[in-house]
């Protein structure tokens, strides 16, 4: 079994059982074959975005619940690497989950720009805050103040925002999207 297959199997069975649904009933509600549900719960198959979306919708849960890795920061995903990727069976489309929103979370989204010079040092935000950064342009040092990561275009990093952190441009024209999430 693959790591993704294992996550889907465990989560699918757990969520189906929480809703007291049989494999047959979930398959009927989702419009997929019973064999597909059984295969996925056993860690097999290569489900498409459409299949997982149908199953999540039938159980009234977010798609991300089925594929989230549940990793706590820091999490670094380089452009073109990692993340939980699920391909479409209907088009040339791949959804890469970088971070799932936990229940009862608040998310603020920022576009950040910086130029080389003095780094932006941030004091800790409220307890439970996590920051997610996707570098758009340039290169920079981002993340925990005591151990930042060098990021380039397309790189993703999540880290504890409730600890001192830094955002420092290494090249002119650095920009990034930052999502600040608090519980």
N, C-alpha and C. Protein backbone atom coordinates (compact mmCIF):
# COMPACT_ATOMS: atom_id res chain seq x y z
N UNK A 1 0.83 -1.19 0.00
CA UNK A 1 0.00 0.00 0.00
C UNK A 1 0.87 1.25 0.00
N UNK A 2 0.41 2.31 -0.65
CA UNK A 2 1.12 3.57 -0.65
C UNK A 2 0.76 4.35 0.61
N UNK A 3 1.57 5.35 0.93
CA UNK A 3 1.28 6.20 2.08
C UNK A 3 -0.08 6.89 1.92
N UNK A 4 -0.34 7.43 0.71
CA UNK A 4 -1.62 8.07 0.45
C UNK A 4 -2.75 7.05 0.54
N UNK A 5 -2.54 5.87 -0.02
CA UNK A 5 -3.55 4.81 0.04
C UNK A 5 -3.89 4.42 1.47
N UNK A 6 -2.86 4.36 2.31
CA UNK A 6 -3.07 4.05 3.73
C UNK A 6 -3.90 5.13 4.41
N UNK A 7 -3.56 6.41 4.14
CA UNK A 7 -4.31 7.53 4.74
C UNK A 7 -5.77 7.50 4.31
N UNK A 8 -5.98 7.30 3.01
CA UNK A 8 -7.35 7.27 2.50
C UNK A 8 -8.11 6.10 3.12
N UNK A 9 -7.48 4.93 3.18
CA UNK A 9 -8.13 3.74 3.73
C UNK A 9 -8.56 3.98 5.18
N UNK A 10 -7.65 4.47 5.99
CA UNK A 10 -7.93 4.69 7.41
C UNK A 10 -9.02 5.74 7.59
N UNK A 11 -8.89 6.84 6.89
CA UNK A 11 -9.84 7.95 7.04
C UNK A 11 -11.21 7.59 6.49
N UNK A 12 -11.25 6.96 5.33
CA UNK A 12 -12.52 6.59 4.72
C UNK A 12 -13.31 5.65 5.63
N UNK A 13 -12.65 4.63 6.14
CA UNK A 13 -13.34 3.68 7.03
C UNK A 13 -13.81 4.39 8.30
N UNK A 14 -12.93 5.20 8.91
CA UNK A 14 -13.29 5.91 10.14
C UNK A 14 -14.50 6.82 9.93
N UNK A 15 -14.48 7.61 8.86
CA UNK A 15 -15.57 8.56 8.60
C UNK A 15 -16.87 7.83 8.23
N UNK A 16 -16.75 6.74 7.48
CA UNK A 16 -17.95 5.97 7.11
C UNK A 16 -18.58 5.37 8.36
N UNK A 17 -17.75 4.79 9.24
CA UNK A 17 -18.27 4.17 10.46
C UNK A 17 -18.84 5.21 11.42
N UNK A 18 -18.23 6.42 11.48
CA UNK A 18 -18.78 7.49 12.33
C UNK A 18 -20.20 7.86 11.92
N UNK A 19 -20.49 7.69 10.66
CA UNK A 19 -21.81 8.04 10.14
C UNK A 19 -22.74 6.82 10.09
N UNK A 20 -22.25 5.70 10.60
CA UNK A 20 -23.01 4.46 10.64
C UNK A 20 -23.53 4.08 9.26
N UNK A 21 -22.64 4.19 8.26
CA UNK A 21 -22.98 3.82 6.88
C UNK A 21 -22.32 2.50 6.52
N UNK A 22 -23.04 1.67 5.82
CA UNK A 22 -22.43 0.46 5.28
C UNK A 22 -21.64 0.85 4.03
N UNK A 23 -20.78 -0.03 3.58
CA UNK A 23 -20.05 0.19 2.34
C UNK A 23 -21.03 0.39 1.19
N UNK A 24 -22.07 -0.44 1.16
CA UNK A 24 -23.09 -0.35 0.10
C UNK A 24 -23.80 0.99 0.10
N UNK A 25 -24.19 1.46 1.29
CA UNK A 25 -24.92 2.72 1.38
C UNK A 25 -24.03 3.90 0.99
N UNK A 26 -22.77 3.89 1.42
CA UNK A 26 -21.87 4.98 1.03
C UNK A 26 -21.68 4.97 -0.48
N UNK A 27 -21.47 3.80 -1.06
CA UNK A 27 -21.30 3.69 -2.51
C UNK A 27 -22.53 4.23 -3.24
N UNK A 28 -23.71 3.88 -2.76
CA UNK A 28 -24.95 4.36 -3.38
C UNK A 28 -25.05 5.87 -3.31
N UNK A 29 -24.80 6.45 -2.13
CA UNK A 29 -24.89 7.90 -1.96
C UNK A 29 -23.87 8.65 -2.81
N UNK A 30 -22.68 8.05 -2.96
CA UNK A 30 -21.60 8.71 -3.71
C UNK A 30 -21.69 8.45 -5.21
N UNK A 31 -22.48 7.45 -5.60
CA UNK A 31 -22.58 7.12 -7.02
C UNK A 31 -21.35 6.41 -7.55
N UNK A 32 -20.70 5.63 -6.67
CA UNK A 32 -19.53 4.85 -7.09
C UNK A 32 -19.80 3.38 -6.80
N UNK A 33 -19.02 2.53 -7.39
CA UNK A 33 -19.19 1.09 -7.19
C UNK A 33 -18.82 0.68 -5.77
N UNK A 34 -19.58 -0.27 -5.23
CA UNK A 34 -19.29 -0.81 -3.90
C UNK A 34 -17.87 -1.37 -3.86
N UNK A 35 -17.46 -2.01 -4.94
CA UNK A 35 -16.10 -2.57 -5.01
C UNK A 35 -15.03 -1.47 -4.88
N UNK A 36 -15.34 -0.29 -5.42
CA UNK A 36 -14.39 0.82 -5.32
C UNK A 36 -14.21 1.24 -3.88
N UNK A 37 -15.32 1.37 -3.14
CA UNK A 37 -15.24 1.74 -1.72
C UNK A 37 -14.46 0.68 -0.95
N UNK A 38 -14.76 -0.57 -1.18
CA UNK A 38 -14.06 -1.67 -0.49
C UNK A 38 -12.58 -1.65 -0.81
N UNK A 39 -12.25 -1.46 -2.07
CA UNK A 39 -10.85 -1.43 -2.49
C UNK A 39 -10.12 -0.27 -1.81
N UNK A 40 -10.74 0.91 -1.77
CA UNK A 40 -10.10 2.06 -1.13
C UNK A 40 -9.92 1.85 0.36
N UNK A 41 -10.90 1.24 1.01
CA UNK A 41 -10.79 0.99 2.45
C UNK A 41 -9.72 -0.06 2.75
N UNK A 42 -9.33 -0.83 1.76
CA UNK A 42 -8.25 -1.81 1.93
C UNK A 42 -6.92 -1.26 1.43
N UNK A 43 -6.88 0.03 1.11
CA UNK A 43 -5.63 0.66 0.72
C UNK A 43 -5.26 0.46 -0.73
N UNK A 44 -6.16 -0.06 -1.52
CA UNK A 44 -5.88 -0.30 -2.93
C UNK A 44 -6.46 0.78 -3.82
N UNK A 45 -6.21 0.61 -5.10
CA UNK A 45 -6.77 1.53 -6.08
C UNK A 45 -5.97 2.80 -6.22
N UNK A 46 -6.36 3.57 -7.19
CA UNK A 46 -5.74 4.87 -7.48
C UNK A 46 -6.89 5.84 -7.72
N UNK A 47 -7.52 6.32 -6.63
CA UNK A 47 -8.74 7.09 -6.79
C UNK A 47 -8.51 8.44 -7.46
N UNK A 48 -9.48 8.85 -8.25
CA UNK A 48 -9.42 10.16 -8.89
C UNK A 48 -9.97 11.22 -7.95
N UNK A 49 -9.74 12.47 -8.30
CA UNK A 49 -10.31 13.59 -7.55
C UNK A 49 -11.83 13.42 -7.49
N UNK A 50 -12.43 13.06 -8.62
CA UNK A 50 -13.88 12.94 -8.69
C UNK A 50 -14.41 11.87 -7.73
N UNK A 51 -13.74 10.73 -7.65
CA UNK A 51 -14.17 9.66 -6.75
C UNK A 51 -14.08 10.10 -5.30
N UNK A 52 -12.93 10.67 -4.93
CA UNK A 52 -12.76 11.11 -3.54
C UNK A 52 -13.73 12.24 -3.20
N UNK A 53 -13.96 13.13 -4.15
CA UNK A 53 -14.90 14.23 -3.91
C UNK A 53 -16.30 13.69 -3.69
N UNK A 54 -16.70 12.72 -4.50
CA UNK A 54 -18.03 12.13 -4.36
C UNK A 54 -18.18 11.45 -3.00
N UNK A 55 -17.16 10.73 -2.56
CA UNK A 55 -17.21 10.06 -1.26
C UNK A 55 -17.27 11.08 -0.13
N UNK A 56 -16.43 12.11 -0.22
CA UNK A 56 -16.44 13.15 0.82
C UNK A 56 -17.79 13.85 0.87
N UNK A 57 -18.34 14.18 -0.28
CA UNK A 57 -19.65 14.84 -0.33
C UNK A 57 -20.74 13.95 0.25
N UNK A 58 -20.69 12.67 -0.06
CA UNK A 58 -21.70 11.74 0.45
C UNK A 58 -21.64 11.63 1.98
N UNK A 59 -20.45 11.83 2.54
CA UNK A 59 -20.31 11.78 4.00
C UNK A 59 -20.38 13.16 4.64
N UNK A 60 -20.54 14.20 3.78
CA UNK A 60 -20.62 15.59 4.24
C UNK A 60 -19.38 16.01 5.02
N UNK A 61 -18.20 15.70 4.43
CA UNK A 61 -16.93 16.12 5.01
C UNK A 61 -16.13 16.82 3.91
N UNK A 62 -15.19 17.69 4.28
CA UNK A 62 -14.34 18.31 3.27
C UNK A 62 -13.46 17.27 2.58
N UNK A 63 -13.22 17.48 1.30
CA UNK A 63 -12.33 16.61 0.51
C UNK A 63 -11.00 16.40 1.22
N UNK A 64 -10.45 17.47 1.78
CA UNK A 64 -9.13 17.43 2.40
C UNK A 64 -9.04 16.42 3.54
N UNK A 65 -10.15 16.14 4.21
CA UNK A 65 -10.13 15.18 5.31
C UNK A 65 -9.60 13.82 4.83
N UNK A 66 -9.93 13.45 3.60
CA UNK A 66 -9.53 12.14 3.09
C UNK A 66 -8.04 12.04 2.76
N UNK A 67 -7.40 13.15 2.49
CA UNK A 67 -6.01 13.09 2.02
C UNK A 67 -5.01 13.83 2.89
N UNK A 68 -5.47 14.54 3.92
CA UNK A 68 -4.58 15.33 4.76
C UNK A 68 -3.57 14.45 5.48
N UNK A 69 -2.32 14.91 5.50
CA UNK A 69 -1.26 14.17 6.17
C UNK A 69 -1.25 14.38 7.67
N UNK A 70 -1.90 15.44 8.15
CA UNK A 70 -1.96 15.69 9.58
C UNK A 70 -0.61 16.01 10.20
N UNK A 71 0.29 16.61 9.45
CA UNK A 71 1.63 16.91 9.93
C UNK A 71 1.63 18.28 10.60
N UNK A 72 2.30 18.41 11.75
CA UNK A 72 2.45 19.70 12.43
C UNK A 72 3.74 20.34 11.98
N UNK A 73 3.80 21.63 11.99
CA UNK A 73 4.90 22.41 11.44
C UNK A 73 6.24 22.09 12.09
N UNK A 74 7.36 22.49 11.45
CA UNK A 74 7.37 23.05 10.11
C UNK A 74 7.23 21.98 9.03
N UNK A 75 6.53 22.34 7.98
CA UNK A 75 6.35 21.48 6.82
C UNK A 75 6.84 22.26 5.61
N UNK A 76 7.81 21.74 4.91
CA UNK A 76 8.36 22.40 3.73
C UNK A 76 8.05 21.55 2.51
N UNK A 77 7.44 22.17 1.50
CA UNK A 77 7.17 21.48 0.23
C UNK A 77 7.80 22.32 -0.86
N UNK A 78 8.81 21.80 -1.51
CA UNK A 78 9.47 22.50 -2.60
C UNK A 78 8.59 22.45 -3.84
N UNK A 79 8.73 23.47 -4.68
CA UNK A 79 7.95 23.53 -5.92
C UNK A 79 8.17 22.24 -6.70
N UNK A 80 7.08 21.62 -7.13
CA UNK A 80 7.15 20.40 -7.91
C UNK A 80 7.39 19.14 -7.10
N UNK A 81 7.46 19.25 -5.78
CA UNK A 81 7.69 18.09 -4.92
C UNK A 81 6.59 17.97 -3.89
N UNK A 82 6.43 16.78 -3.34
CA UNK A 82 5.60 16.56 -2.17
C UNK A 82 4.16 17.00 -2.30
N UNK A 83 3.56 17.18 -1.16
CA UNK A 83 2.14 17.48 -1.11
C UNK A 83 1.36 16.23 -1.50
N UNK A 84 0.11 16.21 -1.15
CA UNK A 84 -0.75 15.09 -1.49
C UNK A 84 -1.42 15.42 -2.82
N UNK A 85 -0.97 14.76 -3.87
CA UNK A 85 -1.47 15.03 -5.22
C UNK A 85 -2.50 13.98 -5.62
N UNK A 86 -3.63 14.46 -6.12
CA UNK A 86 -4.68 13.57 -6.61
C UNK A 86 -5.08 14.08 -7.99
N UNK A 87 -4.97 13.20 -8.97
CA UNK A 87 -5.26 13.58 -10.36
C UNK A 87 -6.73 13.40 -10.69
N UNK A 88 -7.16 14.16 -11.67
CA UNK A 88 -8.52 14.06 -12.19
C UNK A 88 -8.58 12.95 -13.22
N UNK A 89 -9.74 12.31 -13.33
CA UNK A 89 -9.92 11.33 -14.39
C UNK A 89 -10.59 11.98 -15.60
N UNK A 90 -11.00 13.25 -15.44
CA UNK A 90 -11.75 13.93 -16.50
C UNK A 90 -10.94 14.95 -17.28
N UNK A 91 -9.80 15.38 -16.74
CA UNK A 91 -9.01 16.40 -17.43
C UNK A 91 -7.57 16.38 -16.93
N UNK A 92 -6.71 17.16 -17.59
CA UNK A 92 -5.32 17.30 -17.16
C UNK A 92 -5.28 18.26 -15.99
N UNK A 93 -5.55 17.76 -14.81
CA UNK A 93 -5.70 18.57 -13.62
C UNK A 93 -5.21 17.76 -12.44
N UNK A 94 -4.42 18.39 -11.58
CA UNK A 94 -3.95 17.73 -10.37
C UNK A 94 -4.19 18.68 -9.21
N UNK A 95 -4.83 18.20 -8.17
CA UNK A 95 -5.03 18.98 -6.95
C UNK A 95 -3.96 18.56 -5.96
N UNK A 96 -3.19 19.53 -5.48
CA UNK A 96 -2.15 19.26 -4.49
C UNK A 96 -2.56 19.94 -3.19
N UNK A 97 -2.89 19.14 -2.20
CA UNK A 97 -3.26 19.67 -0.90
C UNK A 97 -1.99 20.07 -0.17
N UNK A 98 -1.86 21.35 0.10
CA UNK A 98 -0.72 21.82 0.87
C UNK A 98 -1.05 21.85 2.36
N UNK A 99 -2.29 22.21 2.69
CA UNK A 99 -2.69 22.28 4.08
C UNK A 99 -4.20 22.26 4.19
N UNK A 100 -4.71 21.40 5.04
CA UNK A 100 -6.16 21.33 5.28
C UNK A 100 -6.52 22.24 6.44
N UNK A 101 -7.64 22.90 6.36
CA UNK A 101 -8.10 23.77 7.44
C UNK A 101 -8.68 22.92 8.56
N UNK A 102 -8.15 23.07 9.76
CA UNK A 102 -8.72 22.32 10.88
C UNK A 102 -10.08 22.90 11.27
N UNK A 103 -10.89 22.10 11.97
CA UNK A 103 -12.19 22.61 12.40
C UNK A 103 -12.03 23.86 13.27
N UNK A 104 -12.94 24.77 13.18
CA UNK A 104 -12.99 25.97 14.00
C UNK A 104 -11.76 26.85 13.87
N UNK A 105 -11.15 26.88 12.69
CA UNK A 105 -9.96 27.70 12.48
C UNK A 105 -10.34 29.02 11.83
N UNK A 106 -9.50 29.99 12.01
CA UNK A 106 -9.63 31.27 11.33
C UNK A 106 -8.42 31.42 10.44
N UNK A 107 -8.64 31.84 9.20
CA UNK A 107 -7.53 32.03 8.27
C UNK A 107 -7.59 33.43 7.68
N UNK A 108 -6.44 34.12 7.73
CA UNK A 108 -6.27 35.41 7.09
C UNK A 108 -5.23 35.23 6.00
N UNK A 109 -5.47 35.81 4.83
CA UNK A 109 -4.57 35.64 3.69
C UNK A 109 -3.92 36.97 3.37
N UNK A 110 -2.58 36.94 3.19
CA UNK A 110 -1.82 38.15 2.92
C UNK A 110 -0.95 37.96 1.68
N UNK A 111 -0.77 39.04 0.94
CA UNK A 111 0.23 39.09 -0.11
C UNK A 111 1.38 39.89 0.48
N UNK A 112 2.55 39.28 0.59
CA UNK A 112 3.70 39.92 1.20
C UNK A 112 4.74 40.25 0.14
N UNK A 113 5.33 41.41 0.25
CA UNK A 113 6.44 41.78 -0.63
C UNK A 113 7.58 42.28 0.24
N UNK A 114 8.80 42.08 -0.22
CA UNK A 114 9.97 42.52 0.55
C UNK A 114 11.14 42.73 -0.39
N UNK A 115 12.05 43.55 0.05
CA UNK A 115 13.29 43.81 -0.67
C UNK A 115 14.45 43.49 0.26
N UNK A 116 15.63 43.18 -0.29
CA UNK A 116 16.79 42.90 0.56
C UNK A 116 17.07 44.07 1.51
N UNK A 117 17.58 43.73 2.65
CA UNK A 117 17.88 44.73 3.67
C UNK A 117 17.57 44.15 5.03
N UNK A 118 16.89 44.91 5.83
CA UNK A 118 16.55 44.47 7.17
C UNK A 118 15.44 43.42 7.13
N UNK A 119 15.65 42.25 7.74
CA UNK A 119 14.61 41.23 7.76
C UNK A 119 13.43 41.66 8.61
N UNK A 120 12.26 41.15 8.30
CA UNK A 120 11.06 41.38 9.10
C UNK A 120 11.01 40.30 10.16
N UNK A 121 11.29 40.70 11.40
CA UNK A 121 11.22 39.77 12.53
C UNK A 121 9.86 39.94 13.20
N UNK A 122 9.14 38.86 13.36
CA UNK A 122 7.81 38.92 13.97
C UNK A 122 7.82 38.28 15.34
N UNK A 123 7.21 38.97 16.29
CA UNK A 123 7.01 38.39 17.61
C UNK A 123 5.97 37.29 17.51
N UNK A 124 5.92 36.40 18.49
CA UNK A 124 4.91 35.33 18.44
C UNK A 124 3.49 35.88 18.38
N UNK A 125 2.67 35.27 17.54
CA UNK A 125 1.24 35.57 17.47
C UNK A 125 0.55 34.76 18.57
N UNK A 126 -0.78 34.88 18.71
CA UNK A 126 -1.47 34.11 19.75
C UNK A 126 -1.21 32.61 19.64
N UNK A 127 -1.27 31.95 20.77
CA UNK A 127 -1.04 30.50 20.86
C UNK A 127 -1.93 29.76 19.86
N UNK A 128 -1.35 28.78 19.17
CA UNK A 128 -2.08 27.98 18.21
C UNK A 128 -2.06 28.52 16.79
N UNK A 129 -1.35 29.63 16.57
CA UNK A 129 -1.27 30.22 15.23
C UNK A 129 -0.26 29.45 14.38
N UNK A 130 -0.63 29.15 13.15
CA UNK A 130 0.26 28.53 12.17
C UNK A 130 0.27 29.44 10.95
N UNK A 131 1.45 29.66 10.38
CA UNK A 131 1.55 30.44 9.16
C UNK A 131 1.93 29.52 8.01
N UNK A 132 1.33 29.77 6.84
CA UNK A 132 1.58 29.01 5.62
C UNK A 132 2.06 30.02 4.58
N UNK A 133 3.20 29.76 3.96
CA UNK A 133 3.77 30.68 2.99
C UNK A 133 4.04 29.94 1.68
N UNK A 134 3.59 30.54 0.57
CA UNK A 134 3.94 30.06 -0.77
C UNK A 134 4.70 31.20 -1.44
N UNK A 135 5.96 30.94 -1.79
CA UNK A 135 6.80 31.95 -2.42
C UNK A 135 6.35 32.14 -3.87
N UNK A 136 6.13 33.38 -4.27
CA UNK A 136 5.71 33.69 -5.63
C UNK A 136 6.91 34.08 -6.48
N UNK A 137 7.73 35.00 -5.97
CA UNK A 137 8.88 35.46 -6.75
C UNK A 137 10.04 35.77 -5.82
N UNK A 138 11.25 35.69 -6.37
CA UNK A 138 12.45 35.96 -5.59
C UNK A 138 12.82 34.80 -4.69
N UNK A 139 13.80 35.06 -3.83
CA UNK A 139 14.26 34.07 -2.87
C UNK A 139 14.31 34.74 -1.52
N UNK A 140 14.06 33.96 -0.46
CA UNK A 140 14.10 34.55 0.87
C UNK A 140 14.25 33.53 1.95
N UNK A 141 14.56 34.02 3.14
CA UNK A 141 14.61 33.19 4.34
C UNK A 141 13.30 33.42 5.09
N UNK A 142 12.59 32.32 5.37
CA UNK A 142 11.27 32.41 5.96
C UNK A 142 11.12 31.31 7.02
N UNK A 143 10.39 31.62 8.08
CA UNK A 143 10.05 30.59 9.06
C UNK A 143 10.55 30.89 10.44
N UNK A 144 10.79 29.84 11.24
CA UNK A 144 11.24 30.03 12.62
C UNK A 144 12.50 30.91 12.65
N UNK A 145 12.51 31.90 13.55
CA UNK A 145 13.63 32.84 13.62
C UNK A 145 14.96 32.14 13.86
N UNK A 146 14.95 31.04 14.59
CA UNK A 146 16.20 30.34 14.91
C UNK A 146 16.62 29.33 13.84
N UNK A 147 15.76 29.05 12.87
CA UNK A 147 16.10 28.08 11.83
C UNK A 147 15.23 28.30 10.59
N UNK A 148 15.35 29.47 9.92
CA UNK A 148 14.51 29.73 8.74
C UNK A 148 14.93 28.85 7.56
N UNK A 149 14.03 28.74 6.60
CA UNK A 149 14.27 27.97 5.39
C UNK A 149 14.44 28.93 4.22
N UNK A 150 15.35 28.60 3.29
CA UNK A 150 15.47 29.39 2.07
C UNK A 150 14.42 28.88 1.10
N UNK A 151 13.56 29.79 0.63
CA UNK A 151 12.48 29.44 -0.29
C UNK A 151 12.69 30.12 -1.63
N UNK A 152 12.26 29.45 -2.68
CA UNK A 152 12.25 29.99 -4.02
C UNK A 152 10.84 29.91 -4.58
N UNK A 153 10.63 30.45 -5.77
CA UNK A 153 9.29 30.46 -6.36
C UNK A 153 8.63 29.09 -6.36
N UNK A 154 7.39 29.05 -5.86
CA UNK A 154 6.61 27.82 -5.80
C UNK A 154 6.80 27.00 -4.54
N UNK A 155 7.81 27.30 -3.73
CA UNK A 155 8.02 26.55 -2.49
C UNK A 155 6.94 26.90 -1.47
N UNK A 156 6.57 25.92 -0.65
CA UNK A 156 5.57 26.08 0.40
C UNK A 156 6.21 25.74 1.73
N UNK A 157 5.88 26.52 2.76
CA UNK A 157 6.38 26.26 4.10
C UNK A 157 5.27 26.57 5.09
N UNK A 158 5.08 25.69 6.07
CA UNK A 158 4.21 26.02 7.20
C UNK A 158 5.06 25.95 8.45
N UNK A 159 4.75 26.81 9.42
CA UNK A 159 5.53 26.86 10.65
C UNK A 159 4.69 27.48 11.75
N UNK A 160 5.12 27.27 12.99
CA UNK A 160 4.41 27.82 14.13
C UNK A 160 4.53 29.33 14.14
N UNK A 161 3.38 30.01 14.05
CA UNK A 161 3.37 31.47 14.12
C UNK A 161 3.33 31.97 15.54
N UNK A 162 3.20 31.04 16.49
CA UNK A 162 3.18 31.42 17.90
C UNK A 162 4.57 31.35 18.53
N UNK A 163 5.58 31.39 17.67
CA UNK A 163 6.98 31.48 18.08
C UNK A 163 7.62 32.57 17.21
N UNK A 164 8.73 33.15 17.64
CA UNK A 164 9.36 34.18 16.81
C UNK A 164 9.66 33.65 15.41
N UNK A 165 9.41 34.48 14.38
CA UNK A 165 9.63 34.06 13.00
C UNK A 165 10.11 35.23 12.16
N UNK A 166 10.63 34.88 10.96
CA UNK A 166 11.30 35.87 10.12
C UNK A 166 10.83 35.78 8.68
N UNK A 167 10.89 36.93 7.98
CA UNK A 167 10.61 37.01 6.55
C UNK A 167 11.66 37.95 5.99
N UNK A 168 12.66 37.38 5.28
CA UNK A 168 13.81 38.17 4.81
C UNK A 168 14.04 37.96 3.32
N UNK A 169 14.05 39.05 2.57
CA UNK A 169 14.31 38.98 1.13
C UNK A 169 15.80 38.77 0.89
N UNK A 170 16.12 37.82 0.02
CA UNK A 170 17.50 37.60 -0.41
C UNK A 170 17.73 38.17 -1.80
N UNK A 171 16.65 38.38 -2.54
CA UNK A 171 16.73 38.95 -3.89
C UNK A 171 15.68 40.05 -4.02
N UNK A 172 15.89 40.99 -4.94
CA UNK A 172 14.90 42.05 -5.15
C UNK A 172 13.58 41.46 -5.66
N UNK A 173 12.49 42.13 -5.31
CA UNK A 173 11.18 41.72 -5.82
C UNK A 173 10.61 40.47 -5.20
N UNK A 174 11.00 40.15 -3.97
CA UNK A 174 10.47 38.95 -3.32
C UNK A 174 9.00 39.18 -2.98
N UNK A 175 8.18 38.18 -3.30
CA UNK A 175 6.76 38.24 -2.93
C UNK A 175 6.29 36.84 -2.57
N UNK A 176 5.28 36.80 -1.70
CA UNK A 176 4.76 35.52 -1.23
C UNK A 176 3.31 35.71 -0.80
N UNK A 177 2.59 34.61 -0.79
CA UNK A 177 1.26 34.58 -0.18
C UNK A 177 1.42 33.93 1.19
N UNK A 178 0.87 34.59 2.20
CA UNK A 178 0.93 34.06 3.56
C UNK A 178 -0.50 33.88 4.06
N UNK A 179 -0.78 32.71 4.60
CA UNK A 179 -2.06 32.44 5.23
C UNK A 179 -1.77 32.23 6.72
N UNK A 180 -2.35 33.10 7.53
CA UNK A 180 -2.19 33.00 8.97
C UNK A 180 -3.45 32.33 9.51
N UNK A 181 -3.24 31.23 10.19
CA UNK A 181 -4.35 30.40 10.68
C UNK A 181 -4.31 30.37 12.19
N UNK A 182 -5.42 30.70 12.83
CA UNK A 182 -5.46 30.64 14.29
C UNK A 182 -6.69 29.86 14.73
N UNK A 183 -6.55 29.23 15.85
CA UNK A 183 -7.64 28.38 16.38
C UNK A 183 -8.27 29.03 17.56
